[in-house]
């Protein structure tokens, strides 16, 4: 990853940390819901999951993620794909998220 992409990745992560799962008081990045971010020029592709296939925000959270990341001026296109493999579990959370939730 070149310096431009590294800086862009930092901006993407910063934006992702402003999006919260409404059922859990931790942002989606620290929860481990973001599995992959690829940058190709002015396009970002994100693979994310949800805490459960029956998550009540399954329809709205991916759109919120896309809109939030699209706020980054250097990006012209943002794609968010929901993936279910591997299934999300609590081990995917960051140490900070586990501490916040008392786990």
N, C-alpha and C. Protein backbone atom coordinates (compact mmCIF):
# COMPACT_ATOMS: atom_id res chain seq x y z
N UNK A 1 0.85 -1.17 0.00
CA UNK A 1 0.00 0.00 0.00
C UNK A 1 0.89 1.23 0.00
N UNK A 2 0.64 2.14 -0.94
CA UNK A 2 1.46 3.35 -1.01
C UNK A 2 1.00 4.38 0.04
N UNK A 3 1.74 5.47 0.14
CA UNK A 3 1.47 6.47 1.18
C UNK A 3 0.07 7.08 1.02
N UNK A 4 -0.33 7.36 -0.22
CA UNK A 4 -1.67 7.92 -0.46
C UNK A 4 -2.75 6.96 0.03
N UNK A 5 -2.62 5.69 -0.32
CA UNK A 5 -3.62 4.70 0.10
C UNK A 5 -3.63 4.52 1.62
N UNK A 6 -2.45 4.60 2.24
CA UNK A 6 -2.37 4.48 3.70
C UNK A 6 -3.12 5.63 4.36
N UNK A 7 -2.92 6.85 3.86
CA UNK A 7 -3.62 8.01 4.42
C UNK A 7 -5.12 7.89 4.18
N UNK A 8 -5.49 7.41 3.00
CA UNK A 8 -6.91 7.23 2.69
C UNK A 8 -7.52 6.15 3.59
N UNK A 9 -6.79 5.09 3.83
CA UNK A 9 -7.26 4.03 4.73
C UNK A 9 -7.49 4.58 6.13
N UNK A 10 -6.58 5.43 6.59
CA UNK A 10 -6.74 6.05 7.91
C UNK A 10 -8.02 6.88 7.97
N UNK A 11 -8.32 7.61 6.90
CA UNK A 11 -9.54 8.41 6.85
C UNK A 11 -10.78 7.51 6.85
N UNK A 12 -10.71 6.40 6.13
CA UNK A 12 -11.84 5.47 6.09
C UNK A 12 -12.09 4.90 7.48
N UNK A 13 -11.03 4.46 8.14
CA UNK A 13 -11.17 3.90 9.49
C UNK A 13 -11.75 4.95 10.44
N UNK A 14 -11.27 6.18 10.32
CA UNK A 14 -11.78 7.27 11.16
C UNK A 14 -13.29 7.44 10.95
N UNK A 15 -13.73 7.39 9.71
CA UNK A 15 -15.17 7.50 9.41
C UNK A 15 -15.93 6.30 9.95
N UNK A 16 -15.38 5.09 9.78
CA UNK A 16 -16.06 3.89 10.25
C UNK A 16 -16.25 3.92 11.76
N UNK A 17 -15.33 4.57 12.46
CA UNK A 17 -15.43 4.64 13.91
C UNK A 17 -16.52 5.61 14.38
N UNK A 18 -17.22 6.25 13.43
CA UNK A 18 -18.34 7.13 13.79
C UNK A 18 -19.69 6.43 13.59
N UNK A 19 -19.65 5.18 13.09
CA UNK A 19 -20.88 4.43 12.83
C UNK A 19 -21.04 3.37 13.91
N UNK A 20 -22.20 3.38 14.54
CA UNK A 20 -22.45 2.47 15.66
C UNK A 20 -23.58 1.50 15.34
N UNK A 21 -23.42 0.27 15.82
CA UNK A 21 -24.53 -0.68 15.84
C UNK A 21 -25.47 -0.15 16.92
N UNK A 22 -26.74 0.13 16.59
CA UNK A 22 -27.62 0.74 17.58
C UNK A 22 -27.89 -0.12 18.81
N UNK A 23 -27.62 -1.41 18.72
CA UNK A 23 -27.88 -2.28 19.86
C UNK A 23 -26.68 -2.42 20.80
N UNK A 24 -25.51 -1.99 20.32
CA UNK A 24 -24.28 -2.16 21.10
C UNK A 24 -23.54 -0.81 21.11
N UNK A 25 -23.16 -0.30 22.26
CA UNK A 25 -22.56 1.04 22.33
C UNK A 25 -21.08 1.08 21.92
N UNK A 26 -20.75 0.41 20.82
CA UNK A 26 -19.37 0.38 20.32
C UNK A 26 -19.45 0.55 18.80
N UNK A 27 -18.48 1.28 18.22
CA UNK A 27 -18.52 1.50 16.77
C UNK A 27 -18.27 0.20 16.00
N UNK A 28 -18.69 0.18 14.74
CA UNK A 28 -18.63 -1.05 13.95
C UNK A 28 -17.21 -1.49 13.65
N UNK A 29 -16.26 -0.55 13.62
CA UNK A 29 -14.87 -0.93 13.36
C UNK A 29 -14.31 -1.70 14.56
N UNK A 30 -14.49 -1.16 15.75
CA UNK A 30 -13.99 -1.82 16.96
C UNK A 30 -14.75 -3.12 17.25
N UNK A 31 -16.01 -3.19 16.81
CA UNK A 31 -16.78 -4.42 16.98
C UNK A 31 -16.25 -5.55 16.10
N UNK A 32 -15.46 -5.19 15.09
CA UNK A 32 -14.93 -6.20 14.18
C UNK A 32 -15.89 -6.55 13.06
N UNK A 33 -16.83 -5.65 12.75
CA UNK A 33 -17.78 -5.92 11.68
C UNK A 33 -17.20 -5.63 10.30
N UNK A 34 -16.09 -4.91 10.23
CA UNK A 34 -15.44 -4.63 8.95
C UNK A 34 -14.36 -5.68 8.73
N UNK A 35 -14.57 -6.52 7.73
CA UNK A 35 -13.63 -7.61 7.46
C UNK A 35 -12.52 -7.21 6.50
N UNK A 36 -12.82 -6.31 5.55
CA UNK A 36 -11.80 -5.97 4.56
C UNK A 36 -12.12 -4.62 3.95
N UNK A 37 -11.08 -3.86 3.64
CA UNK A 37 -11.21 -2.60 2.91
C UNK A 37 -10.17 -2.63 1.80
N UNK A 38 -10.64 -2.43 0.57
CA UNK A 38 -9.72 -2.36 -0.57
C UNK A 38 -9.85 -0.99 -1.20
N UNK A 39 -8.71 -0.43 -1.57
CA UNK A 39 -8.69 0.87 -2.22
C UNK A 39 -8.12 0.67 -3.62
N UNK A 40 -8.84 1.19 -4.61
CA UNK A 40 -8.39 1.13 -5.99
C UNK A 40 -8.61 2.51 -6.59
N UNK A 41 -7.56 3.33 -6.54
CA UNK A 41 -7.69 4.69 -7.03
C UNK A 41 -8.65 5.48 -6.16
N UNK A 42 -9.78 5.89 -6.76
CA UNK A 42 -10.77 6.69 -6.04
C UNK A 42 -11.97 5.85 -5.63
N UNK A 43 -11.78 4.53 -5.60
CA UNK A 43 -12.86 3.62 -5.20
C UNK A 43 -12.44 2.85 -3.95
N UNK A 44 -13.38 2.73 -3.02
CA UNK A 44 -13.17 1.90 -1.82
C UNK A 44 -14.22 0.80 -1.82
N UNK A 45 -13.78 -0.42 -1.59
CA UNK A 45 -14.68 -1.57 -1.48
C UNK A 45 -14.53 -2.14 -0.09
N UNK A 46 -15.65 -2.25 0.62
CA UNK A 46 -15.64 -2.75 1.99
C UNK A 46 -16.44 -4.03 2.08
N UNK A 47 -15.87 -5.02 2.76
CA UNK A 47 -16.60 -6.23 3.13
C UNK A 47 -16.92 -6.10 4.60
N UNK A 48 -18.19 -6.19 4.92
CA UNK A 48 -18.58 -6.11 6.33
C UNK A 48 -19.59 -7.20 6.63
N UNK A 49 -19.77 -7.44 7.90
CA UNK A 49 -20.77 -8.39 8.34
C UNK A 49 -21.65 -7.72 9.38
N UNK A 50 -22.59 -8.46 9.89
CA UNK A 50 -23.46 -7.99 10.96
C UNK A 50 -23.34 -8.96 12.11
N UNK A 51 -23.79 -8.56 13.28
CA UNK A 51 -23.66 -9.44 14.44
C UNK A 51 -24.50 -10.69 14.29
N UNK A 52 -25.52 -10.64 13.43
CA UNK A 52 -26.39 -11.79 13.21
C UNK A 52 -27.11 -11.61 11.87
N UNK A 53 -27.42 -12.70 11.18
CA UNK A 53 -28.19 -12.57 9.93
C UNK A 53 -29.57 -11.95 10.16
N UNK A 54 -30.04 -12.01 11.38
CA UNK A 54 -31.36 -11.46 11.71
C UNK A 54 -31.26 -10.08 12.35
N UNK A 55 -30.12 -9.45 12.19
CA UNK A 55 -29.88 -8.12 12.78
C UNK A 55 -30.95 -7.14 12.29
N UNK A 56 -31.59 -6.41 13.21
CA UNK A 56 -32.67 -5.51 12.81
C UNK A 56 -32.22 -4.34 11.92
N UNK A 57 -30.92 -4.05 11.88
CA UNK A 57 -30.43 -2.95 11.03
C UNK A 57 -29.77 -3.46 9.75
N UNK A 58 -30.07 -4.69 9.38
CA UNK A 58 -29.45 -5.30 8.19
C UNK A 58 -29.71 -4.48 6.92
N UNK A 59 -30.85 -3.83 6.85
CA UNK A 59 -31.18 -3.03 5.67
C UNK A 59 -30.54 -1.65 5.70
N UNK A 60 -30.40 -1.08 6.87
CA UNK A 60 -29.97 0.32 6.95
C UNK A 60 -28.49 0.52 7.26
N UNK A 61 -27.88 -0.36 8.02
CA UNK A 61 -26.49 -0.16 8.43
C UNK A 61 -25.52 -0.12 7.24
N UNK A 62 -25.61 -1.04 6.28
CA UNK A 62 -24.69 -0.95 5.13
C UNK A 62 -24.82 0.37 4.36
N UNK A 63 -26.05 0.87 4.22
CA UNK A 63 -26.25 2.16 3.54
C UNK A 63 -25.64 3.29 4.35
N UNK A 64 -25.77 3.22 5.66
CA UNK A 64 -25.18 4.24 6.53
C UNK A 64 -23.65 4.22 6.41
N UNK A 65 -23.08 3.03 6.36
CA UNK A 65 -21.62 2.89 6.20
C UNK A 65 -21.20 3.51 4.88
N UNK A 66 -21.90 3.17 3.79
CA UNK A 66 -21.55 3.71 2.48
C UNK A 66 -21.63 5.24 2.48
N UNK A 67 -22.73 5.79 2.98
CA UNK A 67 -22.89 7.25 2.99
C UNK A 67 -21.80 7.93 3.83
N UNK A 68 -21.44 7.33 4.94
CA UNK A 68 -20.43 7.91 5.82
C UNK A 68 -19.06 7.92 5.15
N UNK A 69 -18.68 6.81 4.52
CA UNK A 69 -17.38 6.74 3.86
C UNK A 69 -17.36 7.62 2.61
N UNK A 70 -18.50 7.78 1.95
CA UNK A 70 -18.57 8.65 0.77
C UNK A 70 -18.28 10.11 1.10
N UNK A 71 -18.33 10.49 2.36
CA UNK A 71 -18.02 11.87 2.75
C UNK A 71 -16.55 12.22 2.55
N UNK A 72 -15.72 11.22 2.33
CA UNK A 72 -14.28 11.46 2.12
C UNK A 72 -14.09 12.00 0.71
N UNK A 73 -13.51 13.20 0.61
CA UNK A 73 -13.38 13.90 -0.67
C UNK A 73 -12.61 13.11 -1.72
N UNK A 74 -11.60 12.36 -1.31
CA UNK A 74 -10.75 11.65 -2.27
C UNK A 74 -11.45 10.47 -2.94
N UNK A 75 -12.60 10.08 -2.43
CA UNK A 75 -13.31 8.93 -2.98
C UNK A 75 -14.44 9.36 -3.90
N UNK A 76 -14.56 8.67 -5.03
CA UNK A 76 -15.67 8.91 -5.95
C UNK A 76 -16.69 7.78 -5.90
N UNK A 77 -16.26 6.61 -5.43
CA UNK A 77 -17.16 5.46 -5.38
C UNK A 77 -16.87 4.63 -4.13
N UNK A 78 -17.94 4.22 -3.47
CA UNK A 78 -17.82 3.36 -2.29
C UNK A 78 -18.79 2.20 -2.45
N UNK A 79 -18.26 1.01 -2.31
CA UNK A 79 -19.07 -0.20 -2.40
C UNK A 79 -19.01 -0.93 -1.06
N UNK A 80 -20.17 -1.30 -0.53
CA UNK A 80 -20.23 -2.04 0.73
C UNK A 80 -20.93 -3.37 0.45
N UNK A 81 -20.24 -4.44 0.76
CA UNK A 81 -20.78 -5.78 0.54
C UNK A 81 -20.92 -6.48 1.89
N UNK A 82 -22.09 -7.07 2.11
CA UNK A 82 -22.32 -7.86 3.33
C UNK A 82 -21.84 -9.28 3.07
N UNK A 83 -21.02 -9.79 3.98
CA UNK A 83 -20.53 -11.17 3.90
C UNK A 83 -20.88 -11.88 5.21
N UNK A 84 -21.09 -13.17 5.12
CA UNK A 84 -21.47 -13.95 6.30
C UNK A 84 -20.40 -14.95 6.70
N UNK A 85 -19.35 -15.07 5.92
CA UNK A 85 -18.26 -15.99 6.24
C UNK A 85 -16.98 -15.20 6.40
N UNK A 86 -16.27 -15.37 7.46
CA UNK A 86 -16.62 -16.19 8.61
C UNK A 86 -17.70 -15.49 9.43
N UNK A 87 -18.51 -16.26 10.14
CA UNK A 87 -19.54 -15.64 10.97
C UNK A 87 -18.91 -14.76 12.05
N UNK A 88 -19.57 -13.66 12.36
CA UNK A 88 -19.07 -12.77 13.41
C UNK A 88 -19.27 -13.42 14.77
N UNK A 89 -18.29 -13.23 15.64
CA UNK A 89 -18.44 -13.60 17.04
C UNK A 89 -17.62 -12.62 17.88
N UNK A 90 -17.73 -12.72 19.17
CA UNK A 90 -17.10 -11.73 20.07
C UNK A 90 -15.59 -11.69 19.96
N UNK A 91 -14.96 -12.74 19.45
CA UNK A 91 -13.51 -12.73 19.32
C UNK A 91 -13.04 -11.74 18.25
N UNK A 92 -13.94 -11.27 17.40
CA UNK A 92 -13.59 -10.32 16.35
C UNK A 92 -13.47 -8.89 16.88
N UNK A 93 -13.98 -8.66 18.10
CA UNK A 93 -13.93 -7.32 18.69
C UNK A 93 -12.51 -6.96 19.10
N UNK A 94 -12.23 -5.67 19.03
CA UNK A 94 -10.93 -5.18 19.51
C UNK A 94 -10.89 -5.25 21.03
N UNK A 95 -9.70 -5.14 21.56
CA UNK A 95 -9.52 -5.11 23.02
C UNK A 95 -10.32 -3.94 23.61
N UNK A 96 -10.29 -2.78 22.93
CA UNK A 96 -11.02 -1.61 23.42
C UNK A 96 -12.52 -1.89 23.49
N UNK A 97 -13.05 -2.57 22.48
CA UNK A 97 -14.48 -2.89 22.47
C UNK A 97 -14.83 -3.85 23.61
N UNK A 98 -13.98 -4.84 23.82
CA UNK A 98 -14.24 -5.80 24.91
C UNK A 98 -14.21 -5.10 26.27
N UNK A 99 -13.28 -4.19 26.45
CA UNK A 99 -13.21 -3.43 27.70
C UNK A 99 -14.45 -2.56 27.88
N UNK A 100 -14.86 -1.90 26.80
CA UNK A 100 -16.05 -1.04 26.84
C UNK A 100 -17.29 -1.83 27.24
N UNK A 101 -17.38 -3.07 26.77
CA UNK A 101 -18.55 -3.90 27.06
C UNK A 101 -18.37 -4.76 28.30
N UNK A 102 -17.22 -4.64 28.94
CA UNK A 102 -16.98 -5.40 30.17
C UNK A 102 -16.78 -6.89 29.94
N UNK A 103 -16.21 -7.24 28.79
CA UNK A 103 -15.98 -8.66 28.47
C UNK A 103 -14.53 -9.06 28.73
